[in-house]
Amino acid sequence: MNPRVKSVQATDDYALVLQFTDGAQGVYDCKSLLDFGVFKELRDKPYFKRASVDNGTVVWPNQQDICPDTLYLDAVKLENAS
C-alpha cells in the first residue's frame, strides 16, 4: 500500500498540491479528468478549490474522489526543502 494524502491545496489551474504521510510532496494535474462523468463538476473553479482530505485521499462535497494510490503514483514529486 502506498502512502496516503495528509494535506491538499487546490490551485487555480486544476492541480492538487499534495503532502503524503511518508513526507513526500507532489503535484497532481486534474485537467485530464474534467471531461469525464462526475468529474465534469470540477470544472467550476470555486467548487474544485473545495478539495479536502478524507480517509487519506482527496474528496469534494458531492462525493467525487481520486484513488490515493493514483495520486501518489502519478503526482509529480517535489524536492523536499532542507
PDB file of N, CA and C in Angstrom:
ATOM      1  N   MET A   1       0.842  -1.182   0.000  1.00  0.00           N
ATOM      2  CA  MET A   1       0.000   0.000   0.000  1.00  0.00           C
ATOM      3  C   MET A   1       0.887   1.246   0.000  1.00  0.00           C
ATOM      4  N   ASN A   2       0.558   2.185  -0.847  1.00  0.00           N
ATOM      5  CA  ASN A   2       1.283   3.442  -0.933  1.00  0.00           C
ATOM      6  C   ASN A   2       0.866   4.373   0.197  1.00  0.00           C
ATOM      7  N   PRO A   3       1.686   5.389   0.489  1.00  0.00           N
ATOM      8  CA  PRO A   3       1.305   6.387   1.482  1.00  0.00           C
ATOM      9  C   PRO A   3       0.001   7.074   1.091  1.00  0.00           C
ATOM     10  N   ARG A   4      -0.646   7.635   2.062  1.00  0.00           N
ATOM     11  CA  ARG A   4      -1.918   8.319   1.854  1.00  0.00           C
ATOM     12  C   ARG A   4      -1.723   9.828   1.901  1.00  0.00           C
ATOM     13  N   VAL A   5      -2.749  10.549   1.469  1.00  0.00           N
ATOM     14  CA  VAL A   5      -2.706  12.009   1.433  1.00  0.00           C
ATOM     15  C   VAL A   5      -2.888  12.558   2.854  1.00  0.00           C
ATOM     16  N   LYS A   6      -2.013  13.468   3.215  1.00  0.00           N
ATOM     17  CA  LYS A   6      -2.061  14.123   4.527  1.00  0.00           C
ATOM     18  C   LYS A   6      -2.691  15.512   4.414  1.00  0.00           C
ATOM     19  N   SER A   7      -2.356  16.238   3.323  1.00  0.00           N
ATOM     20  CA  SER A   7      -2.953  17.562   3.101  1.00  0.00           C
ATOM     21  C   SER A   7      -3.038  17.831   1.607  1.00  0.00           C
ATOM     22  N   VAL A   8      -3.959  18.738   1.240  1.00  0.00           N
ATOM     23  CA  VAL A   8      -4.158  19.096  -0.163  1.00  0.00           C
ATOM     24  C   VAL A   8      -4.434  20.587  -0.271  1.00  0.00           C
ATOM     25  N   GLN A   9      -3.907  21.160  -1.346  1.00  0.00           N
ATOM     26  CA  GLN A   9      -4.237  22.542  -1.714  1.00  0.00           C
ATOM     27  C   GLN A   9      -4.560  22.525  -3.203  1.00  0.00           C
ATOM     28  N   ALA A  10      -5.761  22.962  -3.553  1.00  0.00           N
ATOM     29  CA  ALA A  10      -6.182  23.019  -4.948  1.00  0.00           C
ATOM     30  C   ALA A  10      -5.746  24.355  -5.539  1.00  0.00           C
ATOM     31  N   THR A  11      -5.184  24.333  -6.748  1.00  0.00           N
ATOM     32  CA  THR A  11      -4.708  25.544  -7.404  1.00  0.00           C
ATOM     33  C   THR A  11      -5.719  26.039  -8.440  1.00  0.00           C
ATOM     34  N   ASP A  12      -5.491  27.255  -8.940  1.00  0.00           N
ATOM     35  CA  ASP A  12      -6.369  27.834  -9.954  1.00  0.00           C
ATOM     36  C   ASP A  12      -6.277  27.128 -11.302  1.00  0.00           C
ATOM     37  N   ASP A  13      -5.216  26.358 -11.527  1.00  0.00           N
ATOM     38  CA  ASP A  13      -5.050  25.680 -12.820  1.00  0.00           C
ATOM     39  C   ASP A  13      -5.356  24.181 -12.728  1.00  0.00           C
ATOM     40  N   TYR A  14      -6.279  23.825 -11.844  1.00  0.00           N
ATOM     41  CA  TYR A  14      -6.781  22.450 -11.724  1.00  0.00           C
ATOM     42  C   TYR A  14      -5.699  21.438 -11.352  1.00  0.00           C
ATOM     43  N   ALA A  15      -4.828  21.839 -10.455  1.00  0.00           N
ATOM     44  CA  ALA A  15      -3.833  20.919  -9.923  1.00  0.00           C
ATOM     45  C   ALA A  15      -4.029  20.812  -8.418  1.00  0.00           C
ATOM     46  N   LEU A  16      -3.568  19.704  -7.869  1.00  0.00           N
ATOM     47  CA  LEU A  16      -3.606  19.485  -6.427  1.00  0.00           C
ATOM     48  C   LEU A  16      -2.178  19.421  -5.917  1.00  0.00           C
ATOM     49  N   VAL A  17      -1.855  20.266  -4.958  1.00  0.00           N
ATOM     50  CA  VAL A  17      -0.563  20.209  -4.298  1.00  0.00           C
ATOM     51  C   VAL A  17      -0.773  19.332  -3.067  1.00  0.00           C
ATOM     52  N   LEU A  18      -0.048  18.224  -3.029  1.00  0.00           N
ATOM     53  CA  LEU A  18      -0.302  17.185  -2.037  1.00  0.00           C
ATOM     54  C   LEU A  18       0.880  16.972  -1.109  1.00  0.00           C
ATOM     55  N   GLN A  19       0.568  16.669   0.141  1.00  0.00           N
ATOM     56  CA  GLN A  19       1.573  16.165   1.062  1.00  0.00           C
ATOM     57  C   GLN A  19       1.098  14.779   1.477  1.00  0.00           C
ATOM     58  N   PHE A  20       2.031  13.825   1.460  1.00  0.00           N
ATOM     59  CA  PHE A  20       1.705  12.444   1.763  1.00  0.00           C
ATOM     60  C   PHE A  20       2.217  12.050   3.146  1.00  0.00           C
ATOM     61  N   THR A  21       1.679  10.963   3.661  1.00  0.00           N
ATOM     62  CA  THR A  21       2.019  10.524   5.009  1.00  0.00           C
ATOM     63  C   THR A  21       3.470  10.086   5.159  1.00  0.00           C
ATOM     64  N   ASP A  22       4.167   9.822   4.052  1.00  0.00           N
ATOM     65  CA  ASP A  22       5.587   9.463   4.141  1.00  0.00           C
ATOM     66  C   ASP A  22       6.493  10.688   4.038  1.00  0.00           C
ATOM     67  N   GLY A  23       5.886  11.887   3.990  1.00  0.00           N
ATOM     68  CA  GLY A  23       6.657  13.118   3.904  1.00  0.00           C
ATOM     69  C   GLY A  23       6.863  13.619   2.485  1.00  0.00           C
ATOM     70  N   ALA A  24       6.561  12.794   1.482  1.00  0.00           N
ATOM     71  CA  ALA A  24       6.698  13.219   0.090  1.00  0.00           C
ATOM     72  C   ALA A  24       5.679  14.308  -0.221  1.00  0.00           C
ATOM     73  N   GLN A  25       6.045  15.182  -1.159  1.00  0.00           N
ATOM     74  CA  GLN A  25       5.140  16.212  -1.654  1.00  0.00           C
ATOM     75  C   GLN A  25       5.075  16.083  -3.164  1.00  0.00           C
ATOM     76  N   GLY A  26       3.919  16.377  -3.726  1.00  0.00           N
ATOM     77  CA  GLY A  26       3.783  16.276  -5.170  1.00  0.00           C
ATOM     78  C   GLY A  26       2.629  17.105  -5.688  1.00  0.00           C
ATOM     79  N   VAL A  27       2.580  17.206  -7.014  1.00  0.00           N
ATOM     80  CA  VAL A  27       1.508  17.940  -7.693  1.00  0.00           C
ATOM     81  C   VAL A  27       0.821  16.977  -8.653  1.00  0.00           C
ATOM     82  N   TYR A  28      -0.487  16.883  -8.521  1.00  0.00           N
ATOM     83  CA  TYR A  28      -1.298  16.033  -9.393  1.00  0.00           C
ATOM     84  C   TYR A  28      -2.162  16.928 -10.270  1.00  0.00           C
ATOM     85  N   ASP A  29      -2.023  16.801 -11.579  1.00  0.00           N
ATOM     86  CA  ASP A  29      -2.773  17.591 -12.553  1.00  0.00           C
ATOM     87  C   ASP A  29      -4.119  16.919 -12.822  1.00  0.00           C
ATOM     88  N   CYS A  30      -5.202  17.615 -12.542  1.00  0.00           N
ATOM     89  CA  CYS A  30      -6.552  17.065 -12.703  1.00  0.00           C
ATOM     90  C   CYS A  30      -7.193  17.392 -14.045  1.00  0.00           C
ATOM     91  N   LYS A  31      -6.519  18.165 -14.893  1.00  0.00           N
ATOM     92  CA  LYS A  31      -7.151  18.612 -16.143  1.00  0.00           C
ATOM     93  C   LYS A  31      -7.673  17.455 -17.002  1.00  0.00           C
ATOM     94  N   SER A  32      -6.980  16.334 -16.999  1.00  0.00           N
ATOM     95  CA  SER A  32      -7.414  15.213 -17.841  1.00  0.00           C
ATOM     96  C   SER A  32      -8.700  14.561 -17.330  1.00  0.00           C
ATOM     97  N   LEU A  33      -9.102  14.846 -16.099  1.00  0.00           N
ATOM     98  CA  LEU A  33     -10.325  14.265 -15.542  1.00  0.00           C
ATOM     99  C   LEU A  33     -11.576  15.074 -15.858  1.00  0.00           C
ATOM    100  N   LEU A  34     -11.405  16.335 -16.228  1.00  0.00           N
ATOM    101  CA  LEU A  34     -12.518  17.277 -16.270  1.00  0.00           C
ATOM    102  C   LEU A  34     -13.562  16.997 -17.342  1.00  0.00           C
ATOM    103  N   ASP A  35     -13.303  16.097 -18.256  1.00  0.00           N
ATOM    104  CA  ASP A  35     -14.269  15.763 -19.309  1.00  0.00           C
ATOM    105  C   ASP A  35     -15.029  14.465 -19.031  1.00  0.00           C
ATOM    106  N   PHE A  36     -14.820  13.882 -17.853  1.00  0.00           N
ATOM    107  CA  PHE A  36     -15.384  12.567 -17.579  1.00  0.00           C
ATOM    108  C   PHE A  36     -16.385  12.577 -16.434  1.00  0.00           C
ATOM    109  N   GLY A  37     -17.584  12.070 -16.724  1.00  0.00           N
ATOM    110  CA  GLY A  37     -18.601  11.776 -15.726  1.00  0.00           C
ATOM    111  C   GLY A  37     -18.702  12.756 -14.580  1.00  0.00           C
ATOM    112  N   VAL A  38     -18.596  12.209 -13.364  1.00  0.00           N
ATOM    113  CA  VAL A  38     -18.785  13.015 -12.161  1.00  0.00           C
ATOM    114  C   VAL A  38     -17.726  14.093 -12.007  1.00  0.00           C
ATOM    115  N   PHE A  39     -16.606  13.962 -12.694  1.00  0.00           N
ATOM    116  CA  PHE A  39     -15.540  14.948 -12.562  1.00  0.00           C
ATOM    117  C   PHE A  39     -15.804  16.235 -13.347  1.00  0.00           C
ATOM    118  N   LYS A  40     -16.795  16.229 -14.250  1.00  0.00           N
ATOM    119  CA  LYS A  40     -17.120  17.444 -15.006  1.00  0.00           C
ATOM    120  C   LYS A  40     -17.472  18.603 -14.072  1.00  0.00           C
ATOM    121  N   GLU A  41     -18.048  18.284 -12.924  1.00  0.00           N
ATOM    122  CA  GLU A  41     -18.418  19.319 -11.957  1.00  0.00           C
ATOM    123  C   GLU A  41     -17.187  20.062 -11.427  1.00  0.00           C
ATOM    124  N   LEU A  42     -16.023  19.431 -11.495  1.00  0.00           N
ATOM    125  CA  LEU A  42     -14.795  20.061 -11.010  1.00  0.00           C
ATOM    126  C   LEU A  42     -14.329  21.207 -11.902  1.00  0.00           C
ATOM    127  N   ARG A  43     -14.921  21.350 -13.087  1.00  0.00           N
ATOM    128  CA  ARG A  43     -14.579  22.477 -13.969  1.00  0.00           C
ATOM    129  C   ARG A  43     -14.871  23.813 -13.295  1.00  0.00           C
ATOM    130  N   ASP A  44     -15.862  23.824 -12.410  1.00  0.00           N
ATOM    131  CA  ASP A  44     -16.209  25.033 -11.661  1.00  0.00           C
ATOM    132  C   ASP A  44     -15.088  25.284 -10.645  1.00  0.00           C
ATOM    133  N   LYS A  45     -14.280  26.329 -10.894  1.00  0.00           N
ATOM    134  CA  LYS A  45     -13.083  26.556 -10.065  1.00  0.00           C
ATOM    135  C   LYS A  45     -13.380  26.711  -8.577  1.00  0.00           C
ATOM    136  N   PRO A  46     -14.401  27.486  -8.189  1.00  0.00           N
ATOM    137  CA  PRO A  46     -14.676  27.568  -6.748  1.00  0.00           C
ATOM    138  C   PRO A  46     -14.993  26.190  -6.144  1.00  0.00           C
ATOM    139  N   TYR A  47     -15.710  25.362  -6.903  1.00  0.00           N
ATOM    140  CA  TYR A  47     -16.008  24.010  -6.418  1.00  0.00           C
ATOM    141  C   TYR A  47     -14.731  23.168  -6.370  1.00  0.00           C
ATOM    142  N   PHE A  48     -13.913  23.233  -7.412  1.00  0.00           N
ATOM    143  CA  PHE A  48     -12.656  22.478  -7.438  1.00  0.00           C
ATOM    144  C   PHE A  48     -11.805  22.811  -6.211  1.00  0.00           C
ATOM    145  N   LYS A  49     -11.791  24.085  -5.839  1.00  0.00           N
ATOM    146  CA  LYS A  49     -10.957  24.540  -4.731  1.00  0.00           C
ATOM    147  C   LYS A  49     -11.496  24.086  -3.374  1.00  0.00           C
ATOM    148  N   ARG A  50     -12.627  23.427  -3.343  1.00  0.00           N
ATOM    149  CA  ARG A  50     -13.187  22.883  -2.104  1.00  0.00           C
ATOM    150  C   ARG A  50     -12.639  21.495  -1.795  1.00  0.00           C
ATOM    151  N   ALA A  51     -11.623  21.087  -2.515  1.00  0.00           N
ATOM    152  CA  ALA A  51     -10.993  19.785  -2.266  1.00  0.00           C
ATOM    153  C   ALA A  51     -10.532  19.704  -0.809  1.00  0.00           C
ATOM    154  N   SER A  52     -10.691  18.522  -0.233  1.00  0.00           N
ATOM    155  CA  SER A  52     -10.244  18.297   1.140  1.00  0.00           C
ATOM    156  C   SER A  52      -9.764  16.857   1.266  1.00  0.00           C
ATOM    157  N   VAL A  53      -9.193  16.538   2.414  1.00  0.00           N
ATOM    158  CA  VAL A  53      -8.694  15.187   2.664  1.00  0.00           C
ATOM    159  C   VAL A  53      -9.681  14.453   3.555  1.00  0.00           C
ATOM    160  N   ASP A  54     -10.005  13.226   3.160  1.00  0.00           N
ATOM    161  CA  ASP A  54     -10.854  12.354   3.968  1.00  0.00           C
ATOM    162  C   ASP A  54     -10.341  10.936   3.824  1.00  0.00           C
ATOM    163  N   ASN A  55     -10.048  10.301   4.918  1.00  0.00           N
ATOM    164  CA  ASN A  55      -9.552   8.915   4.917  1.00  0.00           C
ATOM    165  C   ASN A  55      -8.370   8.721   3.982  1.00  0.00           C
ATOM    166  N   GLY A  56      -7.468   9.685   3.943  1.00  0.00           N
ATOM    167  CA  GLY A  56      -6.227   9.522   3.204  1.00  0.00           C
ATOM    168  C   GLY A  56      -6.280   9.787   1.722  1.00  0.00           C
ATOM    169  N   THR A  57      -7.397  10.350   1.241  1.00  0.00           N
ATOM    170  CA  THR A  57      -7.467  10.700  -0.168  1.00  0.00           C
ATOM    171  C   THR A  57      -8.146  12.058  -0.333  1.00  0.00           C
ATOM    172  N   VAL A  58      -8.183  12.548  -1.569  1.00  0.00           N
ATOM    173  CA  VAL A  58      -8.795  13.848  -1.856  1.00  0.00           C
ATOM    174  C   VAL A  58     -10.249  13.634  -2.257  1.00  0.00           C
ATOM    175  N   VAL A  59     -11.127  14.446  -1.659  1.00  0.00           N
ATOM    176  CA  VAL A  59     -12.560  14.354  -1.927  1.00  0.00           C
ATOM    177  C   VAL A  59     -13.131  15.753  -2.137  1.00  0.00           C
ATOM    178  N   TRP A  60     -14.322  15.783  -2.751  1.00  0.00           N
ATOM    179  CA  TRP A  60     -15.092  17.009  -2.914  1.00  0.00           C
ATOM    180  C   TRP A  60     -16.471  16.780  -2.317  1.00  0.00           C
ATOM    181  N   PRO A  61     -17.225  17.864  -2.064  1.00  0.00           N
ATOM    182  CA  PRO A  61     -18.503  17.740  -1.355  1.00  0.00           C
ATOM    183  C   PRO A  61     -19.529  16.812  -2.008  1.00  0.00           C
ATOM    184  N   ASN A  62     -19.539  16.698  -3.329  1.00  0.00           N
ATOM    185  CA  ASN A  62     -20.543  15.862  -3.991  1.00  0.00           C
ATOM    186  C   ASN A  62     -20.025  14.455  -4.266  1.00  0.00           C
ATOM    187  N   GLN A  63     -19.120  13.998  -3.418  1.00  0.00           N
ATOM    188  CA  GLN A  63     -18.630  12.626  -3.378  1.00  0.00           C
ATOM    189  C   GLN A  63     -17.689  12.227  -4.507  1.00  0.00           C
ATOM    190  N   GLN A  64     -17.114  13.190  -5.213  1.00  0.00           N
ATOM    191  CA  GLN A  64     -16.038  12.848  -6.132  1.00  0.00           C
ATOM    192  C   GLN A  64     -14.801  12.555  -5.282  1.00  0.00           C
ATOM    193  N   ASP A  65     -14.004  11.617  -5.737  1.00  0.00           N
ATOM    194  CA  ASP A  65     -12.731  11.339  -5.079  1.00  0.00           C
ATOM    195  C   ASP A  65     -11.775  10.741  -6.090  1.00  0.00           C
ATOM    196  N   ILE A  66     -10.515  10.736  -5.722  1.00  0.00           N
ATOM    197  CA  ILE A  66      -9.474  10.167  -6.576  1.00  0.00           C
ATOM    198  C   ILE A  66      -8.732   9.129  -5.743  1.00  0.00           C
ATOM    199  N   CYS A  67      -8.502   7.984  -6.325  1.00  0.00           N
ATOM    200  CA  CYS A  67      -7.817   6.898  -5.636  1.00  0.00           C
ATOM    201  C   CYS A  67      -6.487   7.404  -5.055  1.00  0.00           C
ATOM    202  N   PRO A  68      -6.231   7.165  -3.774  1.00  0.00           N
ATOM    203  CA  PRO A  68      -4.987   7.649  -3.180  1.00  0.00           C
ATOM    204  C   PRO A  68      -3.740   7.044  -3.818  1.00  0.00           C
ATOM    205  N   ASP A  69      -3.820   5.810  -4.295  1.00  0.00           N
ATOM    206  CA  ASP A  69      -2.675   5.207  -4.984  1.00  0.00           C
ATOM    207  C   ASP A  69      -2.391   5.946  -6.290  1.00  0.00           C
ATOM    208  N   THR A  70      -3.435   6.316  -7.019  1.00  0.00           N
ATOM    209  CA  THR A  70      -3.260   7.086  -8.246  1.00  0.00           C
ATOM    210  C   THR A  70      -2.601   8.422  -7.943  1.00  0.00           C
ATOM    211  N   LEU A  71      -3.076   9.094  -6.902  1.00  0.00           N
ATOM    212  CA  LEU A  71      -2.490  10.384  -6.537  1.00  0.00           C
ATOM    213  C   LEU A  71      -0.998  10.232  -6.223  1.00  0.00           C
ATOM    214  N   TYR A  72      -0.649   9.211  -5.468  1.00  0.00           N
ATOM    215  CA  TYR A  72       0.752   9.036  -5.072  1.00  0.00           C
ATOM    216  C   TYR A  72       1.627   8.655  -6.273  1.00  0.00           C
ATOM    217  N   LEU A  73       1.157   7.723  -7.075  1.00  0.00           N
ATOM    218  CA  LEU A  73       1.984   7.231  -8.185  1.00  0.00           C
ATOM    219  C   LEU A  73       2.088   8.239  -9.325  1.00  0.00           C
ATOM    220  N   ASP A  74       1.028   9.024  -9.570  1.00  0.00           N
ATOM    221  CA  ASP A  74       1.018   9.916 -10.716  1.00  0.00           C
ATOM    222  C   ASP A  74       1.377  11.363 -10.406  1.00  0.00           C
ATOM    223  N   ALA A  75       1.472  11.721  -9.145  1.00  0.00           N
ATOM    224  CA  ALA A  75       1.869  13.081  -8.797  1.00  0.00           C
ATOM    225  C   ALA A  75       3.332  13.314  -9.158  1.00  0.00           C
ATOM    226  N   VAL A  76       3.611  14.491  -9.673  1.00  0.00           N
ATOM    227  CA  VAL A  76       4.993  14.889  -9.929  1.00  0.00           C
ATOM    228  C   VAL A  76       5.579  15.286  -8.584  1.00  0.00           C
ATOM    229  N   LYS A  77       6.570  14.521  -8.135  1.00  0.00           N
ATOM    230  CA  LYS A  77       7.122  14.737  -6.800  1.00  0.00           C
ATOM    231  C   LYS A  77       7.964  16.009  -6.764  1.00  0.00           C
ATOM    232  N   LEU A  78       7.853  16.716  -5.646  1.00  0.00           N
ATOM    233  CA  LEU A  78       8.612  17.941  -5.411  1.00  0.00           C
ATOM    234  C   LEU A  78       9.784  17.619  -4.501  1.00  0.00           C
ATOM    235  N   GLU A  79      10.863  18.352  -4.683  1.00  0.00           N
ATOM    236  CA  GLU A  79      12.023  18.182  -3.810  1.00  0.00           C
ATOM    237  C   GLU A  79      11.686  18.718  -2.427  1.00  0.00           C
ATOM    238  N   ASN A  80      12.113  18.006  -1.412  1.00  0.00           N
ATOM    239  CA  ASN A  80      11.925  18.486  -0.034  1.00  0.00           C
ATOM    240  C   ASN A  80      12.906  19.601   0.255  1.00  0.00           C
ATOM    241  N   ALA A  81      12.416  20.674   0.841  1.00  0.00           N
ATOM    242  CA  ALA A  81      13.304  21.779   1.213  1.00  0.00           C
ATOM    243  C   ALA A  81      14.115  21.372   2.435  1.00  0.00           C
ATOM    244  N   SER A  82      15.412  21.599   2.407  1.00  0.00           N
ATOM    245  CA  SER A  82      16.246  21.212   3.542  1.00  0.00           C
ATOM    246  C   SER A  82      16.564  22.416   4.388  1.00  0.00           C
TER     247      SER A  82
END
